[in-house]
Amino acid sequence: MLQNFERIRKEKKVSLVDIADLLNVRYQTVREKINGESDFKFGEAVKVKNTFFPEFEIEYIFMRETDSCLEADKELEHSSTSSC
């Protein structure tokens, strides 16, 4: 799941329909992309970022939960337990 995406989207009050309209897809398709059932194409990600979230880095917006776990584990590499 794209947790950062969802948090930012809700904070900025951007609806799934807003994103779906921008990308010319169904809102269910956007939901599937956010949930990780399918992926945003690069052009879609850039369009969403530039339109709704220009103040954020694209890597941060579209970081998957597993990606953030990898980053957290790197910081705790001397620890015996994973943060995720």
N, C-alpha and C. Protein backbone atom coordinates (compact mmCIF):
# COMPACT_ATOMS: atom_id res chain seq x y z
N MET A 1 0.84 -1.19 0.00
CA MET A 1 0.00 0.00 0.00
C MET A 1 0.88 1.25 0.00
N LEU A 2 0.40 2.25 -0.65
CA LEU A 2 1.10 3.54 -0.70
C LEU A 2 0.63 4.40 0.48
N GLN A 3 1.23 4.14 1.64
CA GLN A 3 0.79 4.82 2.86
C GLN A 3 1.03 6.32 2.82
N ASN A 4 2.18 6.75 2.32
CA ASN A 4 2.45 8.19 2.24
C ASN A 4 1.45 8.86 1.31
N PHE A 5 1.19 8.21 0.18
CA PHE A 5 0.23 8.73 -0.80
C PHE A 5 -1.13 8.94 -0.14
N GLU A 6 -1.59 7.92 0.57
CA GLU A 6 -2.91 7.99 1.21
C GLU A 6 -2.97 9.08 2.28
N ARG A 7 -1.92 9.17 3.09
CA ARG A 7 -1.90 10.20 4.15
C ARG A 7 -1.95 11.59 3.54
N ILE A 8 -1.11 11.83 2.54
CA ILE A 8 -1.05 13.14 1.89
C ILE A 8 -2.37 13.44 1.19
N ARG A 9 -2.90 12.45 0.50
CA ARG A 9 -4.15 12.63 -0.25
C ARG A 9 -5.28 13.06 0.69
N LYS A 10 -5.36 12.39 1.83
CA LYS A 10 -6.42 12.72 2.79
C LYS A 10 -6.19 14.08 3.44
N GLU A 11 -4.94 14.40 3.76
CA GLU A 11 -4.63 15.71 4.36
C GLU A 11 -5.01 16.84 3.41
N LYS A 12 -4.77 16.64 2.13
CA LYS A 12 -5.04 17.68 1.14
C LYS A 12 -6.46 17.59 0.57
N LYS A 13 -7.22 16.61 1.07
CA LYS A 13 -8.62 16.43 0.66
C LYS A 13 -8.76 16.23 -0.85
N VAL A 14 -7.87 15.39 -1.39
CA VAL A 14 -7.93 15.01 -2.80
C VAL A 14 -8.67 13.68 -2.86
N SER A 15 -9.76 13.63 -3.60
CA SER A 15 -10.55 12.39 -3.67
C SER A 15 -10.00 11.44 -4.72
N LEU A 16 -10.39 10.18 -4.59
CA LEU A 16 -10.04 9.19 -5.61
C LEU A 16 -10.63 9.58 -6.96
N VAL A 17 -11.80 10.18 -6.93
CA VAL A 17 -12.45 10.63 -8.17
C VAL A 17 -11.63 11.75 -8.82
N ASP A 18 -11.08 12.65 -8.01
CA ASP A 18 -10.22 13.71 -8.56
C ASP A 18 -9.04 13.11 -9.32
N ILE A 19 -8.41 12.11 -8.71
CA ILE A 19 -7.25 11.47 -9.34
C ILE A 19 -7.69 10.67 -10.57
N ALA A 20 -8.80 9.96 -10.44
CA ALA A 20 -9.31 9.18 -11.57
C ALA A 20 -9.65 10.07 -12.76
N ASP A 21 -10.26 11.21 -12.49
CA ASP A 21 -10.59 12.15 -13.56
C ASP A 21 -9.33 12.66 -14.26
N LEU A 22 -8.29 12.97 -13.47
CA LEU A 22 -7.03 13.44 -14.04
C LEU A 22 -6.41 12.39 -14.96
N LEU A 23 -6.50 11.12 -14.56
CA LEU A 23 -5.85 10.04 -15.30
C LEU A 23 -6.77 9.37 -16.32
N ASN A 24 -8.03 9.79 -16.34
CA ASN A 24 -9.04 9.19 -17.23
C ASN A 24 -9.19 7.69 -17.00
N VAL A 25 -9.30 7.32 -15.71
CA VAL A 25 -9.54 5.94 -15.33
C VAL A 25 -10.67 5.92 -14.31
N ARG A 26 -11.14 4.72 -13.98
CA ARG A 26 -12.17 4.59 -12.93
C ARG A 26 -11.55 4.82 -11.56
N TYR A 27 -12.35 5.27 -10.61
CA TYR A 27 -11.81 5.49 -9.27
C TYR A 27 -11.37 4.17 -8.64
N GLN A 28 -12.04 3.05 -9.02
CA GLN A 28 -11.64 1.73 -8.52
C GLN A 28 -10.23 1.39 -8.98
N THR A 29 -9.87 1.82 -10.18
CA THR A 29 -8.52 1.60 -10.70
C THR A 29 -7.49 2.33 -9.85
N VAL A 30 -7.82 3.55 -9.47
CA VAL A 30 -6.93 4.31 -8.60
C VAL A 30 -6.78 3.60 -7.26
N ARG A 31 -7.87 3.11 -6.71
CA ARG A 31 -7.84 2.38 -5.44
C ARG A 31 -6.94 1.15 -5.56
N GLU A 32 -7.05 0.42 -6.67
CA GLU A 32 -6.22 -0.77 -6.88
C GLU A 32 -4.73 -0.40 -6.94
N LYS A 33 -4.43 0.72 -7.56
CA LYS A 33 -3.04 1.17 -7.66
C LYS A 33 -2.51 1.55 -6.28
N ILE A 34 -3.29 2.22 -5.48
CA ILE A 34 -2.88 2.62 -4.14
C ILE A 34 -2.69 1.40 -3.25
N ASN A 35 -3.57 0.40 -3.41
CA ASN A 35 -3.49 -0.81 -2.59
C ASN A 35 -2.41 -1.77 -3.05
N GLY A 36 -1.78 -1.49 -4.19
CA GLY A 36 -0.71 -2.35 -4.67
C GLY A 36 -1.15 -3.50 -5.55
N GLU A 37 -2.43 -3.52 -5.93
CA GLU A 37 -2.93 -4.57 -6.82
C GLU A 37 -2.42 -4.35 -8.24
N SER A 38 -2.13 -3.11 -8.58
CA SER A 38 -1.48 -2.76 -9.84
C SER A 38 -0.60 -1.54 -9.55
N ASP A 39 0.17 -1.12 -10.53
CA ASP A 39 1.11 -0.03 -10.32
C ASP A 39 0.72 1.21 -11.12
N PHE A 40 1.08 2.37 -10.58
CA PHE A 40 0.97 3.60 -11.35
C PHE A 40 2.05 3.55 -12.43
N LYS A 41 1.69 3.91 -13.65
CA LYS A 41 2.70 4.09 -14.69
C LYS A 41 3.48 5.35 -14.33
N PHE A 42 4.71 5.44 -14.84
CA PHE A 42 5.55 6.58 -14.49
C PHE A 42 4.87 7.90 -14.85
N GLY A 43 4.30 7.99 -16.05
CA GLY A 43 3.63 9.21 -16.48
C GLY A 43 2.45 9.57 -15.59
N GLU A 44 1.73 8.56 -15.11
CA GLU A 44 0.61 8.81 -14.19
C GLU A 44 1.12 9.37 -12.86
N ALA A 45 2.20 8.77 -12.36
CA ALA A 45 2.77 9.22 -11.09
C ALA A 45 3.22 10.68 -11.18
N VAL A 46 3.89 11.02 -12.27
CA VAL A 46 4.36 12.40 -12.45
C VAL A 46 3.18 13.35 -12.54
N LYS A 47 2.15 12.96 -13.28
CA LYS A 47 0.96 13.81 -13.45
C LYS A 47 0.26 14.07 -12.10
N VAL A 48 0.10 13.00 -11.31
CA VAL A 48 -0.54 13.13 -10.00
C VAL A 48 0.30 14.02 -9.08
N LYS A 49 1.59 13.78 -9.05
CA LYS A 49 2.48 14.58 -8.21
C LYS A 49 2.43 16.05 -8.59
N ASN A 50 2.59 16.34 -9.88
CA ASN A 50 2.63 17.73 -10.33
C ASN A 50 1.30 18.45 -10.14
N THR A 51 0.20 17.72 -10.27
CA THR A 51 -1.13 18.34 -10.15
C THR A 51 -1.56 18.53 -8.70
N PHE A 52 -1.40 17.49 -7.88
CA PHE A 52 -1.96 17.53 -6.53
C PHE A 52 -0.93 17.69 -5.40
N PHE A 53 0.30 17.21 -5.61
CA PHE A 53 1.27 17.18 -4.53
C PHE A 53 2.63 17.74 -4.96
N PRO A 54 2.68 18.92 -5.55
CA PRO A 54 3.95 19.43 -6.10
C PRO A 54 5.01 19.70 -5.04
N GLU A 55 4.61 19.86 -3.80
CA GLU A 55 5.58 20.18 -2.75
C GLU A 55 6.31 18.95 -2.21
N PHE A 56 5.91 17.75 -2.65
CA PHE A 56 6.52 16.51 -2.17
C PHE A 56 7.38 15.88 -3.25
N GLU A 57 8.40 15.14 -2.82
CA GLU A 57 9.24 14.37 -3.74
C GLU A 57 8.45 13.15 -4.23
N ILE A 58 8.59 12.83 -5.50
CA ILE A 58 7.84 11.71 -6.08
C ILE A 58 8.20 10.39 -5.39
N GLU A 59 9.45 10.23 -5.01
CA GLU A 59 9.88 9.00 -4.34
C GLU A 59 9.16 8.82 -3.01
N TYR A 60 8.96 9.92 -2.30
CA TYR A 60 8.27 9.87 -1.01
C TYR A 60 6.80 9.53 -1.20
N ILE A 61 6.16 10.17 -2.14
CA ILE A 61 4.72 9.94 -2.37
C ILE A 61 4.45 8.49 -2.72
N PHE A 62 5.28 7.92 -3.60
CA PHE A 62 5.01 6.60 -4.15
C PHE A 62 5.83 5.49 -3.52
N MET A 63 6.36 5.74 -2.32
CA MET A 63 7.11 4.71 -1.60
C MET A 63 6.12 3.67 -1.07
N ARG A 64 6.37 2.43 -1.40
CA ARG A 64 5.52 1.34 -0.91
C ARG A 64 5.92 1.00 0.52
N GLU A 65 4.99 0.39 1.23
CA GLU A 65 5.21 -0.01 2.62
C GLU A 65 6.48 -0.84 2.76
N THR A 66 6.73 -1.77 1.85
CA THR A 66 7.92 -2.61 1.94
C THR A 66 9.18 -1.80 1.72
N ASP A 67 9.11 -0.76 0.89
CA ASP A 67 10.27 0.11 0.67
C ASP A 67 10.63 0.85 1.96
N SER A 68 9.63 1.32 2.66
CA SER A 68 9.90 2.05 3.90
C SER A 68 10.43 1.10 4.96
N CYS A 69 10.02 -0.16 4.94
CA CYS A 69 10.56 -1.16 5.86
C CYS A 69 12.03 -1.40 5.58
N LEU A 70 12.39 -1.46 4.31
CA LEU A 70 13.79 -1.66 3.94
C LEU A 70 14.65 -0.50 4.44
N GLU A 71 14.14 0.72 4.29
CA GLU A 71 14.88 1.89 4.77
C GLU A 71 15.04 1.85 6.29
N ALA A 72 13.97 1.49 6.99
CA ALA A 72 14.03 1.42 8.45
C ALA A 72 14.99 0.33 8.89
N ASP A 73 15.00 -0.80 8.18
CA ASP A 73 15.90 -1.89 8.54
C ASP A 73 17.36 -1.51 8.33
N LYS A 74 17.64 -0.70 7.29
CA LYS A 74 19.01 -0.24 7.06
C LYS A 74 19.51 0.57 8.26
N GLU A 75 18.62 1.38 8.82
CA GLU A 75 18.99 2.21 9.96
C GLU A 75 19.22 1.36 11.21
N LEU A 76 18.56 0.23 11.27
CA LEU A 76 18.66 -0.64 12.44
C LEU A 76 19.46 -1.90 12.14
N GLU A 77 20.42 -1.81 11.23
CA GLU A 77 21.12 -3.01 10.77
C GLU A 77 21.88 -3.74 11.89
N HIS A 78 22.19 -3.07 12.96
CA HIS A 78 22.89 -3.71 14.06
C HIS A 78 21.91 -4.29 15.08
N SER A 79 20.63 -4.04 14.85
CA SER A 79 19.60 -4.57 15.74
C SER A 79 19.22 -5.97 15.28
N SER A 80 18.74 -6.79 16.18
CA SER A 80 18.37 -8.16 15.82
C SER A 80 16.91 -8.27 15.38
N THR A 81 16.15 -7.19 15.51
CA THR A 81 14.75 -7.26 15.13
C THR A 81 14.46 -6.26 14.04
N SER A 82 13.50 -6.60 13.19
CA SER A 82 13.06 -5.72 12.12
C SER A 82 12.04 -4.73 12.67
N SER A 83 11.98 -3.57 12.10
CA SER A 83 11.01 -2.56 12.54
C SER A 83 9.65 -2.77 11.93
N CYS A 84 9.52 -3.70 10.96
CA CYS A 84 8.24 -3.92 10.27
C CYS A 84 7.71 -5.32 10.54
